[in-house]
Amino acid sequence: MLDLDSTDCQTCGACCSFSSEWPRFSTESDADLDRIPPTLVAVTLNAMRCEGDRCAALTGVVGTATACSIYAVRPEVCRTCLPGDEDCRMARRAFGLAA
């Protein structure tokens, strides 16, 4: 089980992998959205493209080592999920990574 006090996002990745409904665009400007590679945007243009429940921008193995391939230009929903917050804990529980 991951220790929320000592584990950073790069050893988790659960928030990027637990729901295809999660990476929705909400407050991004058109200029911000234009910085995201088109191959990583859903056909509906309102979210990140997912492979199953996993964001297509996520690399690595959930719970072991992960990274966001577009970290610098990631959507607002990704920026607001912080290590240890309720969304983080919910995603980690979905993977059995936290109680």
PDB file of N, CA and C in Angstrom:
ATOM      1  N   MET A   1       0.832  -1.179   0.000  1.00  0.00           N
ATOM      2  CA  MET A   1       0.000   0.000   0.000  1.00  0.00           C
ATOM      3  C   MET A   1       0.878   1.244   0.000  1.00  0.00           C
ATOM      4  N   LEU A   2       0.489   2.266  -0.766  1.00  0.00           N
ATOM      5  CA  LEU A   2       1.261   3.493  -0.842  1.00  0.00           C
ATOM      6  C   LEU A   2       1.053   4.345   0.397  1.00  0.00           C
ATOM      7  N   ASP A   3       2.102   4.957   0.865  1.00  0.00           N
ATOM      8  CA  ASP A   3       2.048   5.906   1.971  1.00  0.00           C
ATOM      9  C   ASP A   3       1.831   7.290   1.366  1.00  0.00           C
ATOM     10  N   LEU A   4       0.665   7.880   1.619  1.00  0.00           N
ATOM     11  CA  LEU A   4       0.337   9.164   1.015  1.00  0.00           C
ATOM     12  C   LEU A   4       1.288  10.274   1.429  1.00  0.00           C
ATOM     13  N   ASP A   5       1.957  10.124   2.558  1.00  0.00           N
ATOM     14  CA  ASP A   5       2.862  11.158   3.011  1.00  0.00           C
ATOM     15  C   ASP A   5       4.210  11.108   2.311  1.00  0.00           C
ATOM     16  N   SER A   6       4.593   9.960   1.771  1.00  0.00           N
ATOM     17  CA  SER A   6       5.933   9.859   1.207  1.00  0.00           C
ATOM     18  C   SER A   6       5.949   9.470  -0.276  1.00  0.00           C
ATOM     19  N   THR A   7       4.808   9.247  -0.865  1.00  0.00           N
ATOM     20  CA  THR A   7       4.756   8.814  -2.255  1.00  0.00           C
ATOM     21  C   THR A   7       4.362   9.967  -3.160  1.00  0.00           C
ATOM     22  N   ASP A   8       5.152  10.209  -4.192  1.00  0.00           N
ATOM     23  CA  ASP A   8       4.779  11.259  -5.122  1.00  0.00           C
ATOM     24  C   ASP A   8       3.993  10.672  -6.281  1.00  0.00           C
ATOM     25  N   CYS A   9       3.480  11.522  -7.098  1.00  0.00           N
ATOM     26  CA  CYS A   9       2.635  11.102  -8.213  1.00  0.00           C
ATOM     27  C   CYS A   9       3.358  10.180  -9.191  1.00  0.00           C
ATOM     28  N   GLN A  10       4.660  10.304  -9.296  1.00  0.00           N
ATOM     29  CA  GLN A  10       5.392   9.504 -10.272  1.00  0.00           C
ATOM     30  C   GLN A  10       5.545   8.042  -9.873  1.00  0.00           C
ATOM     31  N   THR A  11       5.152   7.697  -8.669  1.00  0.00           N
ATOM     32  CA  THR A  11       5.108   6.285  -8.305  1.00  0.00           C
ATOM     33  C   THR A  11       3.670   5.802  -8.189  1.00  0.00           C
ATOM     34  N   CYS A  12       2.725   6.606  -8.615  1.00  0.00           N
ATOM     35  CA  CYS A  12       1.312   6.245  -8.490  1.00  0.00           C
ATOM     36  C   CYS A  12       0.641   6.188  -9.864  1.00  0.00           C
ATOM     37  N   GLY A  13       0.076   7.304 -10.315  1.00  0.00           N
ATOM     38  CA  GLY A  13      -0.607   7.355 -11.606  1.00  0.00           C
ATOM     39  C   GLY A  13      -2.055   6.929 -11.568  1.00  0.00           C
ATOM     40  N   ALA A  14      -2.575   6.614 -10.380  1.00  0.00           N
ATOM     41  CA  ALA A  14      -3.951   6.128 -10.269  1.00  0.00           C
ATOM     42  C   ALA A  14      -4.969   7.148 -10.764  1.00  0.00           C
ATOM     43  N   CYS A  15      -4.749   8.426 -10.486  1.00  0.00           N
ATOM     44  CA  CYS A  15      -5.729   9.438 -10.887  1.00  0.00           C
ATOM     45  C   CYS A  15      -5.846   9.532 -12.408  1.00  0.00           C
ATOM     46  N   CYS A  16      -4.826   9.119 -13.116  1.00  0.00           N
ATOM     47  CA  CYS A  16      -4.829   9.172 -14.582  1.00  0.00           C
ATOM     48  C   CYS A  16      -5.320   7.870 -15.203  1.00  0.00           C
ATOM     49  N   SER A  17      -5.734   6.937 -14.349  1.00  0.00           N
ATOM     50  CA  SER A  17      -6.041   5.601 -14.858  1.00  0.00           C
ATOM     51  C   SER A  17      -7.349   4.997 -14.372  1.00  0.00           C
ATOM     52  N   PHE A  18      -8.086   5.710 -13.538  1.00  0.00           N
ATOM     53  CA  PHE A  18      -9.223   5.035 -12.932  1.00  0.00           C
ATOM     54  C   PHE A  18     -10.556   5.329 -13.605  1.00  0.00           C
ATOM     55  N   SER A  19     -10.635   6.322 -14.495  1.00  0.00           N
ATOM     56  CA  SER A  19     -11.915   6.624 -15.138  1.00  0.00           C
ATOM     57  C   SER A  19     -11.709   7.410 -16.421  1.00  0.00           C
ATOM     58  N   SER A  20     -12.356   6.973 -17.469  1.00  0.00           N
ATOM     59  CA  SER A  20     -12.283   7.724 -18.732  1.00  0.00           C
ATOM     60  C   SER A  20     -13.094   9.010 -18.638  1.00  0.00           C
ATOM     61  N   GLU A  21     -13.895   9.161 -17.596  1.00  0.00           N
ATOM     62  CA  GLU A  21     -14.675  10.386 -17.384  1.00  0.00           C
ATOM     63  C   GLU A  21     -13.851  11.474 -16.697  1.00  0.00           C
ATOM     64  N   TRP A  22     -12.721  11.123 -16.123  1.00  0.00           N
ATOM     65  CA  TRP A  22     -11.924  12.043 -15.307  1.00  0.00           C
ATOM     66  C   TRP A  22     -11.255  13.155 -16.117  1.00  0.00           C
ATOM     67  N   PRO A  23     -10.548  12.872 -17.188  1.00  0.00           N
ATOM     68  CA  PRO A  23      -9.745  13.944 -17.800  1.00  0.00           C
ATOM     69  C   PRO A  23     -10.541  14.856 -18.722  1.00  0.00           C
ATOM     70  N   ARG A  24     -11.644  15.428 -18.208  1.00  0.00           N
ATOM     71  CA  ARG A  24     -12.487  16.345 -18.997  1.00  0.00           C
ATOM     72  C   ARG A  24     -11.909  17.750 -18.989  1.00  0.00           C
ATOM     73  N   PHE A  25     -12.045  18.433 -20.106  1.00  0.00           N
ATOM     74  CA  PHE A  25     -11.634  19.829 -20.182  1.00  0.00           C
ATOM     75  C   PHE A  25     -12.747  20.674 -19.566  1.00  0.00           C
ATOM     76  N   SER A  26     -12.376  21.712 -18.836  1.00  0.00           N
ATOM     77  CA  SER A  26     -13.400  22.541 -18.220  1.00  0.00           C
ATOM     78  C   SER A  26     -13.095  24.029 -18.331  1.00  0.00           C
ATOM     79  N   THR A  27     -11.960  24.460 -17.827  1.00  0.00           N
ATOM     80  CA  THR A  27     -11.671  25.899 -17.796  1.00  0.00           C
ATOM     81  C   THR A  27     -10.523  26.305 -18.715  1.00  0.00           C
ATOM     82  N   GLU A  28     -10.044  25.392 -19.523  1.00  0.00           N
ATOM     83  CA  GLU A  28      -8.909  25.690 -20.404  1.00  0.00           C
ATOM     84  C   GLU A  28      -9.322  26.673 -21.506  1.00  0.00           C
ATOM     85  N   SER A  29      -8.415  27.542 -21.842  1.00  0.00           N
ATOM     86  CA  SER A  29      -8.644  28.432 -22.979  1.00  0.00           C
ATOM     87  C   SER A  29      -8.365  27.654 -24.266  1.00  0.00           C
ATOM     88  N   ASP A  30      -8.804  28.189 -25.377  1.00  0.00           N
ATOM     89  CA  ASP A  30      -8.514  27.543 -26.665  1.00  0.00           C
ATOM     90  C   ASP A  30      -7.005  27.458 -26.891  1.00  0.00           C
ATOM     91  N   ALA A  31      -6.284  28.479 -26.469  1.00  0.00           N
ATOM     92  CA  ALA A  31      -4.821  28.470 -26.630  1.00  0.00           C
ATOM     93  C   ALA A  31      -4.190  27.344 -25.812  1.00  0.00           C
ATOM     94  N   ASP A  32      -4.695  27.126 -24.593  1.00  0.00           N
ATOM     95  CA  ASP A  32      -4.184  26.030 -23.760  1.00  0.00           C
ATOM     96  C   ASP A  32      -4.474  24.687 -24.411  1.00  0.00           C
ATOM     97  N   LEU A  33      -5.678  24.523 -24.910  1.00  0.00           N
ATOM     98  CA  LEU A  33      -6.057  23.248 -25.541  1.00  0.00           C
ATOM     99  C   LEU A  33      -5.259  22.996 -26.809  1.00  0.00           C
ATOM    100  N   ASP A  34      -4.921  24.041 -27.528  1.00  0.00           N
ATOM    101  CA  ASP A  34      -4.138  23.890 -28.758  1.00  0.00           C
ATOM    102  C   ASP A  34      -2.727  23.368 -28.483  1.00  0.00           C
ATOM    103  N   ARG A  35      -2.251  23.483 -27.244  1.00  0.00           N
ATOM    104  CA  ARG A  35      -0.902  23.000 -26.888  1.00  0.00           C
ATOM    105  C   ARG A  35      -0.891  21.492 -26.645  1.00  0.00           C
ATOM    106  N   ILE A  36      -2.053  20.889 -26.446  1.00  0.00           N
ATOM    107  CA  ILE A  36      -2.135  19.445 -26.228  1.00  0.00           C
ATOM    108  C   ILE A  36      -2.081  18.753 -27.587  1.00  0.00           C
ATOM    109  N   PRO A  37      -1.203  17.782 -27.767  1.00  0.00           N
ATOM    110  CA  PRO A  37      -1.121  17.092 -29.061  1.00  0.00           C
ATOM    111  C   PRO A  37      -2.488  16.513 -29.467  1.00  0.00           C
ATOM    112  N   PRO A  38      -2.931  16.784 -30.682  1.00  0.00           N
ATOM    113  CA  PRO A  38      -4.243  16.321 -31.141  1.00  0.00           C
ATOM    114  C   PRO A  38      -4.446  14.807 -30.989  1.00  0.00           C
ATOM    115  N   THR A  39      -3.388  14.032 -31.086  1.00  0.00           N
ATOM    116  CA  THR A  39      -3.523  12.583 -30.950  1.00  0.00           C
ATOM    117  C   THR A  39      -3.906  12.169 -29.533  1.00  0.00           C
ATOM    118  N   LEU A  40      -3.784  13.080 -28.567  1.00  0.00           N
ATOM    119  CA  LEU A  40      -4.118  12.774 -27.177  1.00  0.00           C
ATOM    120  C   LEU A  40      -5.470  13.354 -26.758  1.00  0.00           C
ATOM    121  N   VAL A  41      -6.165  14.004 -27.692  1.00  0.00           N
ATOM    122  CA  VAL A  41      -7.472  14.590 -27.415  1.00  0.00           C
ATOM    123  C   VAL A  41      -8.560  13.647 -27.926  1.00  0.00           C
ATOM    124  N   ALA A  42      -9.607  13.474 -27.121  1.00  0.00           N
ATOM    125  CA  ALA A  42     -10.725  12.603 -27.502  1.00  0.00           C
ATOM    126  C   ALA A  42     -11.397  13.110 -28.769  1.00  0.00           C
ATOM    127  N   VAL A  43     -12.027  12.211 -29.484  1.00  0.00           N
ATOM    128  CA  VAL A  43     -12.740  12.548 -30.715  1.00  0.00           C
ATOM    129  C   VAL A  43     -13.792  13.629 -30.455  1.00  0.00           C
ATOM    130  N   THR A  44     -14.375  13.630 -29.263  1.00  0.00           N
ATOM    131  CA  THR A  44     -15.393  14.615 -28.895  1.00  0.00           C
ATOM    132  C   THR A  44     -14.811  16.000 -28.626  1.00  0.00           C
ATOM    133  N   LEU A  45     -13.502  16.099 -28.541  1.00  0.00           N
ATOM    134  CA  LEU A  45     -12.750  17.337 -28.293  1.00  0.00           C
ATOM    135  C   LEU A  45     -13.008  17.960 -26.918  1.00  0.00           C
ATOM    136  N   ASN A  46     -13.618  17.211 -25.996  1.00  0.00           N
ATOM    137  CA  ASN A  46     -13.915  17.773 -24.678  1.00  0.00           C
ATOM    138  C   ASN A  46     -13.115  17.124 -23.554  1.00  0.00           C
ATOM    139  N   ALA A  47     -12.167  16.280 -23.923  1.00  0.00           N
ATOM    140  CA  ALA A  47     -11.419  15.544 -22.908  1.00  0.00           C
ATOM    141  C   ALA A  47     -10.148  14.953 -23.511  1.00  0.00           C
ATOM    142  N   MET A  48      -9.343  14.418 -22.611  1.00  0.00           N
ATOM    143  CA  MET A  48      -8.172  13.662 -23.055  1.00  0.00           C
ATOM    144  C   MET A  48      -8.651  12.323 -23.619  1.00  0.00           C
ATOM    145  N   ARG A  49      -7.958  11.802 -24.604  1.00  0.00           N
ATOM    146  CA  ARG A  49      -8.256  10.475 -25.138  1.00  0.00           C
ATOM    147  C   ARG A  49      -7.830   9.450 -24.100  1.00  0.00           C
ATOM    148  N   CYS A  50      -8.641   8.446 -23.935  1.00  0.00           N
ATOM    149  CA  CYS A  50      -8.319   7.378 -22.990  1.00  0.00           C
ATOM    150  C   CYS A  50      -8.258   6.048 -23.717  1.00  0.00           C
ATOM    151  N   GLU A  51      -7.457   5.171 -23.179  1.00  0.00           N
ATOM    152  CA  GLU A  51      -7.391   3.780 -23.620  1.00  0.00           C
ATOM    153  C   GLU A  51      -7.990   2.985 -22.479  1.00  0.00           C
ATOM    154  N   GLY A  52      -9.266   2.621 -22.615  1.00  0.00           N
ATOM    155  CA  GLY A  52     -10.009   2.074 -21.489  1.00  0.00           C
ATOM    156  C   GLY A  52     -10.244   3.205 -20.511  1.00  0.00           C
ATOM    157  N   ASP A  53      -9.840   3.026 -19.278  1.00  0.00           N
ATOM    158  CA  ASP A  53      -9.977   4.076 -18.270  1.00  0.00           C
ATOM    159  C   ASP A  53      -8.705   4.901 -18.104  1.00  0.00           C
ATOM    160  N   ARG A  54      -7.685   4.578 -18.838  1.00  0.00           N
ATOM    161  CA  ARG A  54      -6.375   5.210 -18.672  1.00  0.00           C
ATOM    162  C   ARG A  54      -6.163   6.342 -19.672  1.00  0.00           C
ATOM    163  N   CYS A  55      -5.736   7.500 -19.171  1.00  0.00           N
ATOM    164  CA  CYS A  55      -5.424   8.631 -20.036  1.00  0.00           C
ATOM    165  C   CYS A  55      -4.281   8.233 -20.980  1.00  0.00           C
ATOM    166  N   ALA A  56      -4.425   8.563 -22.245  1.00  0.00           N
ATOM    167  CA  ALA A  56      -3.418   8.207 -23.246  1.00  0.00           C
ATOM    168  C   ALA A  56      -2.087   8.932 -23.027  1.00  0.00           C
ATOM    169  N   ALA A  57      -2.083   9.995 -22.231  1.00  0.00           N
ATOM    170  CA  ALA A  57      -0.840  10.724 -21.971  1.00  0.00           C
ATOM    171  C   ALA A  57      -0.009  10.086 -20.863  1.00  0.00           C
ATOM    172  N   LEU A  58      -0.590   9.143 -20.127  1.00  0.00           N
ATOM    173  CA  LEU A  58       0.135   8.509 -19.028  1.00  0.00           C
ATOM    174  C   LEU A  58       1.078   7.441 -19.554  1.00  0.00           C
ATOM    175  N   THR A  59       2.304   7.464 -19.072  1.00  0.00           N
ATOM    176  CA  THR A  59       3.277   6.425 -19.406  1.00  0.00           C
ATOM    177  C   THR A  59       3.635   5.668 -18.133  1.00  0.00           C
ATOM    178  N   GLY A  60       4.112   4.464 -18.273  1.00  0.00           N
ATOM    179  CA  GLY A  60       4.577   3.685 -17.131  1.00  0.00           C
ATOM    180  C   GLY A  60       3.538   2.740 -16.567  1.00  0.00           C
ATOM    181  N   VAL A  61       3.827   2.229 -15.372  1.00  0.00           N
ATOM    182  CA  VAL A  61       2.997   1.233 -14.702  1.00  0.00           C
ATOM    183  C   VAL A  61       2.413   1.847 -13.433  1.00  0.00           C
ATOM    184  N   VAL A  62       1.082   1.862 -13.343  1.00  0.00           N
ATOM    185  CA  VAL A  62       0.401   2.419 -12.179  1.00  0.00           C
ATOM    186  C   VAL A  62       0.866   1.712 -10.912  1.00  0.00           C
ATOM    187  N   GLY A  63       1.198   2.513  -9.905  1.00  0.00           N
ATOM    188  CA  GLY A  63       1.641   1.979  -8.629  1.00  0.00           C
ATOM    189  C   GLY A  63       3.121   1.660  -8.571  1.00  0.00           C
ATOM    190  N   THR A  64       3.805   1.800  -9.694  1.00  0.00           N
ATOM    191  CA  THR A  64       5.236   1.497  -9.750  1.00  0.00           C
ATOM    192  C   THR A  64       6.037   2.731 -10.171  1.00  0.00           C
ATOM    193  N   ALA A  65       5.833   3.161 -11.396  1.00  0.00           N
ATOM    194  CA  ALA A  65       6.505   4.358 -11.917  1.00  0.00           C
ATOM    195  C   ALA A  65       5.686   4.879 -13.093  1.00  0.00           C
ATOM    196  N   THR A  66       5.267   6.120 -13.006  1.00  0.00           N
ATOM    197  CA  THR A  66       4.461   6.717 -14.068  1.00  0.00           C
ATOM    198  C   THR A  66       4.933   8.136 -14.356  1.00  0.00           C
ATOM    199  N   ALA A  67       4.484   8.653 -15.489  1.00  0.00           N
ATOM    200  CA  ALA A  67       4.766  10.036 -15.855  1.00  0.00           C
ATOM    201  C   ALA A  67       3.694  10.494 -16.832  1.00  0.00           C
ATOM    202  N   CYS A  68       3.487  11.787 -16.859  1.00  0.00           N
ATOM    203  CA  CYS A  68       2.565  12.383 -17.826  1.00  0.00           C
ATOM    204  C   CYS A  68       3.393  12.880 -18.998  1.00  0.00           C
ATOM    205  N   SER A  69       3.065  12.410 -20.187  1.00  0.00           N
ATOM    206  CA  SER A  69       3.848  12.801 -21.364  1.00  0.00           C
ATOM    207  C   SER A  69       3.588  14.245 -21.790  1.00  0.00           C
ATOM    208  N   ILE A  70       2.569  14.882 -21.217  1.00  0.00           N
ATOM    209  CA  ILE A  70       2.278  16.286 -21.530  1.00  0.00           C
ATOM    210  C   ILE A  70       2.186  17.120 -20.248  1.00  0.00           C
ATOM    211  N   TYR A  71       2.973  16.771 -19.259  1.00  0.00           N
ATOM    212  CA  TYR A  71       2.868  17.385 -17.935  1.00  0.00           C
ATOM    213  C   TYR A  71       2.798  18.916 -17.987  1.00  0.00           C
ATOM    214  N   ALA A  72       3.624  19.549 -18.763  1.00  0.00           N
ATOM    215  CA  ALA A  72       3.669  21.014 -18.804  1.00  0.00           C
ATOM    216  C   ALA A  72       2.389  21.634 -19.363  1.00  0.00           C
ATOM    217  N   VAL A  73       1.651  20.887 -20.168  1.00  0.00           N
ATOM    218  CA  VAL A  73       0.433  21.432 -20.790  1.00  0.00           C
ATOM    219  C   VAL A  73      -0.817  20.630 -20.405  1.00  0.00           C
ATOM    220  N   ARG A  74      -0.734  19.854 -19.321  1.00  0.00           N
ATOM    221  CA  ARG A  74      -1.861  19.016 -18.902  1.00  0.00           C
ATOM    222  C   ARG A  74      -3.080  19.872 -18.573  1.00  0.00           C
ATOM    223  N   PRO A  75      -4.283  19.283 -18.711  1.00  0.00           N
ATOM    224  CA  PRO A  75      -5.520  20.028 -18.449  1.00  0.00           C
ATOM    225  C   PRO A  75      -5.668  20.426 -16.976  1.00  0.00           C
ATOM    226  N   GLU A  76      -6.557  21.362 -16.737  1.00  0.00           N
ATOM    227  CA  GLU A  76      -6.808  21.868 -15.391  1.00  0.00           C
ATOM    228  C   GLU A  76      -7.222  20.764 -14.426  1.00  0.00           C
ATOM    229  N   VAL A  77      -8.049  19.818 -14.865  1.00  0.00           N
ATOM    230  CA  VAL A  77      -8.480  18.740 -13.972  1.00  0.00           C
ATOM    231  C   VAL A  77      -7.284  17.960 -13.438  1.00  0.00           C
ATOM    232  N   CYS A  78      -6.257  17.836 -14.231  1.00  0.00           N
ATOM    233  CA  CYS A  78      -5.045  17.137 -13.806  1.00  0.00           C
ATOM    234  C   CYS A  78      -4.246  17.990 -12.823  1.00  0.00           C
ATOM    235  N   ARG A  79      -4.279  19.279 -13.005  1.00  0.00           N
ATOM    236  CA  ARG A  79      -3.542  20.185 -12.127  1.00  0.00           C
ATOM    237  C   ARG A  79      -4.184  20.291 -10.745  1.00  0.00           C
ATOM    238  N   THR A  80      -5.493  20.117 -10.671  1.00  0.00           N
ATOM    239  CA  THR A  80      -6.186  20.310  -9.397  1.00  0.00           C
ATOM    240  C   THR A  80      -6.219  19.068  -8.531  1.00  0.00           C
ATOM    241  N   CYS A  81      -5.923  17.905  -9.068  1.00  0.00           N
ATOM    242  CA  CYS A  81      -5.843  16.693  -8.256  1.00  0.00           C
ATOM    243  C   CYS A  81      -4.471  16.684  -7.599  1.00  0.00           C
ATOM    244  N   LEU A  82      -4.462  16.807  -6.280  1.00  0.00           N
ATOM    245  CA  LEU A  82      -3.202  16.917  -5.547  1.00  0.00           C
ATOM    246  C   LEU A  82      -2.944  15.675  -4.709  1.00  0.00           C
ATOM    247  N   PRO A  83      -1.678  15.313  -4.521  1.00  0.00           N
ATOM    248  CA  PRO A  83      -1.356  14.138  -3.713  1.00  0.00           C
ATOM    249  C   PRO A  83      -2.019  14.210  -2.336  1.00  0.00           C
ATOM    250  N   GLY A  84      -2.779  13.165  -2.022  1.00  0.00           N
ATOM    251  CA  GLY A  84      -3.414  13.061  -0.719  1.00  0.00           C
ATOM    252  C   GLY A  84      -4.777  13.693  -0.606  1.00  0.00           C
ATOM    253  N   ASP A  85      -5.238  14.437  -1.632  1.00  0.00           N
ATOM    254  CA  ASP A  85      -6.573  15.025  -1.520  1.00  0.00           C
ATOM    255  C   ASP A  85      -7.626  13.947  -1.769  1.00  0.00           C
ATOM    256  N   GLU A  86      -8.895  14.306  -1.633  1.00  0.00           N
ATOM    257  CA  GLU A  86      -9.968  13.310  -1.729  1.00  0.00           C
ATOM    258  C   GLU A  86      -9.982  12.607  -3.084  1.00  0.00           C
ATOM    259  N   ASP A  87      -9.784  13.349  -4.181  1.00  0.00           N
ATOM    260  CA  ASP A  87      -9.760  12.726  -5.504  1.00  0.00           C
ATOM    261  C   ASP A  87      -8.602  11.748  -5.617  1.00  0.00           C
ATOM    262  N   CYS A  88      -7.465  12.137  -5.098  1.00  0.00           N
ATOM    263  CA  CYS A  88      -6.287  11.270  -5.094  1.00  0.00           C
ATOM    264  C   CYS A  88      -6.581   9.980  -4.318  1.00  0.00           C
ATOM    265  N   ARG A  89      -7.105  10.116  -3.118  1.00  0.00           N
ATOM    266  CA  ARG A  89      -7.390   8.936  -2.291  1.00  0.00           C
ATOM    267  C   ARG A  89      -8.426   8.029  -2.953  1.00  0.00           C
ATOM    268  N   MET A  90      -9.434   8.630  -3.606  1.00  0.00           N
ATOM    269  CA  MET A  90     -10.451   7.844  -4.301  1.00  0.00           C
ATOM    270  C   MET A  90      -9.809   7.020  -5.425  1.00  0.00           C
ATOM    271  N   ALA A  91      -8.958   7.651  -6.214  1.00  0.00           N
ATOM    272  CA  ALA A  91      -8.295   6.958  -7.321  1.00  0.00           C
ATOM    273  C   ALA A  91      -7.376   5.861  -6.801  1.00  0.00           C
ATOM    274  N   ARG A  92      -6.623   6.141  -5.756  1.00  0.00           N
ATOM    275  CA  ARG A  92      -5.709   5.147  -5.191  1.00  0.00           C
ATOM    276  C   ARG A  92      -6.473   3.955  -4.623  1.00  0.00           C
ATOM    277  N   ARG A  93      -7.602   4.218  -3.971  1.00  0.00           N
ATOM    278  CA  ARG A  93      -8.417   3.112  -3.450  1.00  0.00           C
ATOM    279  C   ARG A  93      -8.909   2.216  -4.589  1.00  0.00           C
ATOM    280  N   ALA A  94      -9.249   2.816  -5.731  1.00  0.00           N
ATOM    281  CA  ALA A  94      -9.730   2.043  -6.873  1.00  0.00           C
ATOM    282  C   ALA A  94      -8.688   1.030  -7.352  1.00  0.00           C
ATOM    283  N   PHE A  95      -7.423   1.325  -7.114  1.00  0.00           N
ATOM    284  CA  PHE A  95      -6.329   0.427  -7.506  1.00  0.00           C
ATOM    285  C   PHE A  95      -5.805  -0.387  -6.334  1.00  0.00           C
ATOM    286  N   GLY A  96      -6.428  -0.243  -5.168  1.00  0.00           N
ATOM    287  CA  GLY A  96      -5.950  -0.958  -3.990  1.00  0.00           C
ATOM    288  C   GLY A  96      -4.627  -0.407  -3.492  1.00  0.00           C
ATOM    289  N   LEU A  97      -4.338   0.845  -3.796  1.00  0.00           N
ATOM    290  CA  LEU A  97      -3.065   1.450  -3.403  1.00  0.00           C
ATOM    291  C   LEU A  97      -3.152   2.225  -2.101  1.00  0.00           C
ATOM    292  N   ALA A  98      -4.350   2.437  -1.587  1.00  0.00           N
ATOM    293  CA  ALA A  98      -4.525   3.164  -0.323  1.00  0.00           C
ATOM    294  C   ALA A  98      -5.790   2.679   0.344  1.00  0.00           C
ATOM    295  N   ALA A  99      -5.805   2.781   1.644  1.00  0.00           N
ATOM    296  CA  ALA A  99      -6.982   2.362   2.423  1.00  0.00           C
ATOM    297  C   ALA A  99      -8.051   3.417   2.358  1.00  0.00           C
TER     298      ALA A  99
END
